Amino acid sequence: LGGNPLCFLGRFRAMEPGQPYQRDEALLEELGYKTGQKVERETFMSRLTVHQQRHMCDLWKELRTRCYDHWMDEVENDKLMHSHGVLKEVVSRCCRDFREKSNHVKDAAMCHHEV
């Protein structure tokens, strides 16, 4: 970064003594967006540990249980019955896929969204 901490890649203007700091919102947004994309790519390609996989499956099973409890409170509700059936299948498939296919964060995120 050089001697001046505000000279990030030469894109920030050096401040003169006594001048107030001026934020370059557009530049900060651009740098933040690029950094976010990089972190997202790197994160999505990383893998979950066995402990993390177990934690995700436990979380999804807890959500499935809560759905079941709501259904039992309204046994006559066909929509809740259908939702529980779909959720049961999704949780089962996602947990199975972790064990047998892929443990990428990307896949966990997609399953979590689906659940």
Protein backbone atom coordinates (compact mmCIF):
# COMPACT_ATOMS: atom_id res chain seq x y z
CA LEU A 1 0.00 0.00 0.00
CA GLY A 2 2.96 2.32 0.27
CA GLY A 3 3.55 4.97 2.88
CA ASN A 4 0.14 6.62 2.69
CA PRO A 5 -2.67 4.31 3.86
CA LEU A 6 -5.12 6.22 1.68
CA CYS A 7 -3.22 5.43 -1.52
CA PHE A 8 -4.85 2.04 -2.09
CA LEU A 9 -3.68 0.99 -5.55
CA GLY A 10 -3.17 4.67 -6.34
CA ARG A 11 -6.91 5.23 -6.55
CA PHE A 12 -7.32 7.38 -3.44
CA ARG A 13 -6.02 10.91 -3.52
CA ALA A 14 -3.42 11.79 -0.95
CA MET A 15 -4.77 14.30 1.54
CA GLU A 16 -3.02 17.57 2.12
CA PRO A 17 -2.40 18.43 5.75
CA GLY A 18 -5.37 20.29 7.21
CA GLN A 19 -7.83 19.13 4.51
CA PRO A 20 -10.84 17.09 5.60
CA TYR A 21 -11.11 13.50 4.43
CA GLN A 22 -13.51 13.05 1.51
CA ARG A 23 -15.01 9.64 0.89
CA ASP A 24 -15.20 8.46 -2.70
CA GLU A 25 -18.48 6.54 -2.43
CA ALA A 26 -18.37 5.22 -6.00
CA LEU A 27 -14.84 3.89 -5.59
CA LEU A 28 -15.62 2.33 -2.21
CA GLU A 29 -18.74 0.70 -3.63
CA GLU A 30 -16.78 -0.68 -6.59
CA LEU A 31 -14.00 -2.05 -4.38
CA GLY A 32 -16.53 -3.51 -1.94
CA TYR A 33 -18.47 -5.16 -4.76
CA LYS A 34 -15.31 -6.70 -6.25
CA THR A 35 -14.17 -7.92 -2.85
CA GLY A 36 -17.63 -9.36 -2.19
CA GLN A 37 -17.57 -11.24 -5.48
CA LYS A 38 -14.12 -12.66 -4.71
CA VAL A 39 -15.16 -13.76 -1.22
CA GLU A 40 -18.34 -15.29 -2.59
CA ARG A 41 -16.43 -17.29 -5.24
CA GLU A 42 -13.87 -18.50 -2.71
CA THR A 43 -16.50 -19.30 -0.09
CA PHE A 44 -18.77 -21.17 -2.47
CA MET A 45 -15.89 -23.40 -3.56
CA SER A 46 -14.86 -24.26 0.00
CA ARG A 47 -16.11 -27.42 1.65
CA LEU A 48 -18.02 -28.04 4.84
CA THR A 49 -16.41 -30.20 7.50
CA VAL A 50 -18.25 -33.26 8.78
CA HIS A 51 -19.19 -31.28 11.91
CA GLN A 52 -20.59 -28.42 9.78
CA GLN A 53 -22.52 -30.86 7.60
CA ARG A 54 -24.04 -32.44 10.69
CA HIS A 55 -24.95 -29.01 12.03
CA MET A 56 -26.73 -28.04 8.79
CA CYS A 57 -28.67 -31.31 8.72
CA ASP A 58 -29.65 -30.87 12.38
CA LEU A 59 -30.85 -27.34 11.64
CA TRP A 60 -32.94 -28.52 8.69
CA LYS A 61 -34.36 -31.40 10.71
CA GLU A 62 -35.36 -28.93 13.44
CA LEU A 63 -37.19 -26.85 10.82
CA ARG A 64 -38.88 -30.00 9.54
CA THR A 65 -39.96 -30.85 13.10
CA ARG A 66 -41.39 -27.36 13.57
CA CYS A 67 -43.35 -27.75 10.34
CA TYR A 68 -44.64 -31.13 11.57
CA ASP A 69 -45.69 -29.56 14.88
CA HIS A 70 -47.64 -26.86 13.04
CA TRP A 71 -49.30 -29.53 10.94
CA MET A 72 -50.27 -31.52 14.06
CA ASP A 73 -51.87 -28.36 15.48
CA GLU A 74 -54.03 -28.21 12.33
CA VAL A 75 -54.33 -31.83 11.19
CA GLU A 76 -57.07 -30.97 8.69
CA ASN A 77 -54.85 -28.46 6.85
CA ASP A 78 -53.92 -30.08 3.53
CA LYS A 79 -51.44 -27.33 2.67
CA LEU A 80 -49.44 -27.99 5.84
CA MET A 81 -49.57 -31.73 5.18
CA HIS A 82 -48.23 -31.17 1.66
CA SER A 83 -45.57 -28.71 2.90
CA HIS A 84 -44.37 -31.20 5.49
CA GLY A 85 -44.14 -33.95 2.87
CA VAL A 86 -42.10 -31.73 0.54
CA LEU A 87 -39.87 -30.51 3.37
CA LYS A 88 -39.29 -34.06 4.56
CA GLU A 89 -38.12 -35.07 1.07
CA VAL A 90 -35.91 -32.00 0.64
CA VAL A 91 -34.20 -32.42 4.03
CA SER A 92 -33.63 -36.11 3.38
CA ARG A 93 -32.18 -35.46 -0.08
CA CYS A 94 -29.94 -32.61 1.04
CA CYS A 95 -28.49 -34.53 3.99
CA ARG A 96 -27.95 -37.60 1.80
CA ASP A 97 -26.24 -35.52 -0.91
CA PHE A 98 -23.83 -34.12 1.70
CA ARG A 99 -22.77 -37.61 2.67
CA GLU A 100 -22.65 -39.12 -0.80
CA LYS A 101 -22.02 -36.38 -3.37
CA SER A 102 -20.80 -32.92 -2.44
CA ASN A 103 -19.99 -30.97 0.67
CA HIS A 104 -19.44 -27.60 -1.04
CA VAL A 105 -20.77 -24.50 0.68
CA LYS A 106 -22.55 -23.64 -2.59
CA ASP A 107 -24.59 -26.83 -2.39
CA ALA A 108 -25.37 -26.24 1.28
CA ALA A 109 -26.54 -22.72 0.46
CA MET A 110 -28.81 -24.00 -2.31
CA CYS A 111 -30.29 -26.63 0.00
CA HIS A 112 -30.71 -24.12 2.80
CA HIS A 113 -32.59 -21.83 0.45
CA GLU A 114 -34.80 -24.71 -0.66
CA VAL A 115 -35.54 -25.75 2.94
